[in-house]
Amino acid sequence: MPFSPIPRGVYESVCRIDPDRLAARGVRLVLADLDNTLAPYGEEEPDPAVAAWKEGLERAGITLYLLSNSRRPGRAQRFAQRLGIPYQGRAGKPKKKGYLLAMERMGCAPEETVMVGDQIFTDTLGANNAGVAPLLVEPIRLSGNPGRYLRYAAETPFRLLGRGRPFV
């Protein structure tokens, strides 16, 4: 579904996305956004629940891969190293190049890959453009930048449409 802003399901958090159900759908690679998806903005330590979810993915035969637009030097790298996963910073989402590079690096095709993120206009749009199923999560924390509130408000109709299209 190229250029579509509609996700394939909206989930409370990454931990609500069942690894076994992903595996049953043929998923081998989960690309995940960092900020407000795996961790709050600025947080460098993975939450124990996220670490447990990553372990569940591994048990199901799925690799978790950090695909971040973070411009803060070293942030994506440090977080990924602490979680023990491969990463790509400055991914350029919603452009599809970052998605394609990540899949090539991990030896996976778009039909074996999902993208988990908190934003429609970067994560979901880019995933759909790359032929990857986009799974949207509710942002961990909205505090901070006032522009973030406006962006999430503009995304509301697409979030509502995505709720009716669960992937797992």
Protein backbone atom coordinates (compact mmCIF):
# COMPACT_ATOMS: atom_id res chain seq x y z
CA MET A 1 0.00 0.00 0.00
CA PRO A 2 2.47 2.70 -1.17
CA PHE A 3 2.09 6.23 0.20
CA SER A 4 -0.65 5.21 2.60
CA PRO A 5 -0.70 6.77 6.08
CA ILE A 6 -2.90 3.99 7.46
CA PRO A 7 -1.25 1.48 9.85
CA ARG A 8 -2.02 -2.24 10.12
CA GLY A 9 -3.26 -2.04 13.67
CA VAL A 10 -2.75 0.29 16.61
CA TYR A 11 -1.35 -1.16 19.82
CA GLU A 12 -1.00 0.20 23.35
CA SER A 13 2.76 -0.49 23.36
CA VAL A 14 5.35 -2.70 21.69
CA CYS A 15 4.88 -5.18 24.52
CA ARG A 16 1.28 -5.74 23.36
CA ILE A 17 2.45 -7.06 19.99
CA ASP A 18 2.65 -10.83 20.38
CA PRO A 19 5.90 -12.34 19.02
CA ASP A 20 4.31 -15.76 18.41
CA ARG A 21 1.50 -14.22 16.37
CA LEU A 22 4.06 -12.26 14.34
CA ALA A 23 6.00 -15.48 13.68
CA ALA A 24 2.77 -17.21 12.63
CA ARG A 25 2.34 -14.45 10.01
CA GLY A 26 5.83 -15.20 8.64
CA VAL A 27 7.56 -12.21 10.22
CA ARG A 28 11.32 -12.62 10.69
CA LEU A 29 12.30 -8.97 11.21
CA VAL A 30 10.80 -6.22 13.35
CA LEU A 31 12.08 -2.75 12.56
CA ALA A 32 11.37 -0.46 15.50
CA ASP A 33 11.53 3.26 16.04
CA LEU A 34 13.34 4.44 19.17
CA ASP A 35 11.85 7.64 20.55
CA ASN A 36 8.38 7.21 22.05
CA THR A 37 8.20 3.64 20.70
CA LEU A 38 10.88 1.64 22.52
CA ALA A 39 11.76 4.37 25.04
CA PRO A 40 10.73 7.89 26.03
CA TYR A 41 12.65 10.74 24.39
CA GLY A 42 16.11 11.01 25.91
CA GLU A 43 16.03 7.67 27.77
CA GLU A 44 19.13 5.58 27.08
CA GLU A 45 18.35 2.47 29.12
CA PRO A 46 15.89 -0.11 27.76
CA ASP A 47 12.92 -0.72 30.03
CA PRO A 48 12.85 -4.29 31.44
CA ALA A 49 9.49 -4.89 29.71
CA VAL A 50 11.00 -3.94 26.33
CA ALA A 51 13.99 -6.20 27.01
CA ALA A 52 11.59 -9.06 27.82
CA TRP A 53 9.62 -8.36 24.60
CA LYS A 54 12.89 -8.50 22.62
CA GLU A 55 13.68 -11.86 24.23
CA GLY A 56 10.21 -13.10 23.24
CA LEU A 57 10.87 -12.03 19.65
CA GLU A 58 14.14 -13.95 19.65
CA ARG A 59 12.44 -17.09 21.01
CA ALA A 60 9.96 -16.79 18.13
CA GLY A 61 12.80 -16.56 15.60
CA ILE A 62 12.40 -12.82 14.98
CA THR A 63 15.16 -10.20 14.98
CA LEU A 64 14.50 -6.77 16.48
CA TYR A 65 16.28 -3.97 14.58
CA LEU A 66 16.38 -0.33 15.69
CA LEU A 67 15.53 2.02 12.80
CA SER A 68 15.74 5.56 14.12
CA ASN A 69 15.72 9.08 12.75
CA SER A 70 17.50 10.28 15.89
CA ARG A 71 20.03 12.99 15.14
CA ARG A 72 21.57 12.94 18.61
CA PRO A 73 25.09 11.56 18.16
CA GLY A 74 25.38 8.05 19.52
CA ARG A 75 21.88 7.82 21.02
CA ALA A 76 20.56 5.05 18.74
CA GLN A 77 23.86 3.18 18.93
CA ARG A 78 24.03 3.25 22.76
CA PHE A 79 20.39 2.17 23.15
CA ALA A 80 20.77 -0.65 20.59
CA GLN A 81 23.98 -1.88 22.22
CA ARG A 82 22.35 -1.95 25.65
CA LEU A 83 19.44 -3.94 24.21
CA GLY A 84 21.78 -6.15 22.15
CA ILE A 85 20.22 -5.45 18.75
CA PRO A 86 21.42 -4.14 15.37
CA TYR A 87 20.60 -0.53 14.59
CA GLN A 88 20.56 2.20 12.00
CA GLY A 89 20.52 5.84 13.04
CA ARG A 90 19.57 8.79 10.84
CA ALA A 91 17.38 6.42 8.82
CA GLY A 92 15.66 9.19 6.86
CA LYS A 93 12.12 7.94 7.46
CA PRO A 94 9.68 8.20 5.66
CA LYS A 95 12.04 7.65 2.72
CA LYS A 96 12.20 3.96 1.92
CA LYS A 97 15.99 3.75 1.62
CA GLY A 98 16.52 3.16 5.36
CA TYR A 99 13.95 0.37 5.40
CA LEU A 100 15.47 -1.31 2.36
CA LEU A 101 19.01 -1.09 3.78
CA ALA A 102 17.89 -2.64 7.07
CA MET A 103 16.13 -5.52 5.29
CA GLU A 104 19.12 -6.09 3.02
CA ARG A 105 21.48 -6.13 6.01
CA MET A 106 19.30 -8.70 7.79
CA GLY A 107 18.51 -10.79 4.70
CA CYS A 108 14.75 -10.29 4.90
CA ALA A 109 12.10 -9.38 2.35
CA PRO A 110 9.36 -6.80 2.91
CA GLU A 111 6.72 -9.53 3.38
CA GLU A 112 8.82 -10.93 6.27
CA THR A 113 9.18 -7.53 7.93
CA VAL A 114 7.06 -5.19 10.05
CA MET A 115 7.79 -1.68 11.25
CA VAL A 116 6.72 -0.64 14.75
CA GLY A 117 6.57 3.08 15.42
CA ASP A 118 4.59 5.84 17.07
CA GLN A 119 4.26 8.30 14.18
CA ILE A 120 2.09 8.15 11.09
CA PHE A 121 4.03 10.57 8.91
CA THR A 122 7.43 8.91 9.39
CA ASP A 123 7.09 5.30 10.56
CA THR A 124 3.80 4.27 8.94
CA LEU A 125 4.13 6.21 5.72
CA GLY A 126 7.71 5.02 5.21
CA ALA A 127 6.87 1.40 5.97
CA ASN A 128 3.97 1.36 3.53
CA ASN A 129 6.21 3.00 0.92
CA ALA A 130 8.81 0.23 1.42
CA GLY A 131 6.21 -2.56 1.23
CA VAL A 132 6.53 -3.33 4.95
CA ALA A 133 3.51 -3.78 7.24
CA PRO A 134 3.35 -0.78 9.63
CA LEU A 135 2.25 -1.42 13.22
CA LEU A 136 1.52 1.75 15.18
CA VAL A 137 1.90 2.07 18.93
CA GLU A 138 0.61 4.78 21.21
CA PRO A 139 3.41 7.20 22.10
CA ILE A 140 5.02 6.47 25.45
CA ARG A 141 5.00 10.10 26.57
CA LEU A 142 3.73 13.29 24.93
CA SER A 143 5.36 15.80 27.26
CA GLY A 144 7.85 18.21 25.78
CA ASN A 145 7.71 19.75 22.34
CA PRO A 146 4.32 21.46 21.69
CA GLY A 147 4.64 20.56 18.00
CA ARG A 148 4.40 16.92 18.98
CA TYR A 149 0.83 17.48 20.24
CA LEU A 150 -0.16 19.07 16.94
CA ARG A 151 1.42 16.26 14.93
CA TYR A 152 -0.34 13.56 16.95
CA ALA A 153 -3.63 15.45 16.63
CA ALA A 154 -3.23 15.53 12.83
CA GLU A 155 -2.61 11.77 12.89
CA THR A 156 -5.83 10.96 14.77
CA PRO A 157 -8.00 10.02 11.74
CA PHE A 158 -5.33 7.61 10.47
CA ARG A 159 -4.90 6.08 13.93
CA LEU A 160 -8.66 5.48 14.08
CA LEU A 161 -8.65 3.82 10.65
CA GLY A 162 -5.71 1.65 11.70
CA ARG A 163 -7.54 0.37 14.78
CA GLY A 164 -9.91 -1.50 12.48
CA ARG A 165 -7.10 -3.28 10.63
CA PRO A 166 -5.17 -5.37 13.18
CA PHE A 167 -2.19 -7.29 11.79
CA VAL A 168 -1.86 -9.58 14.80
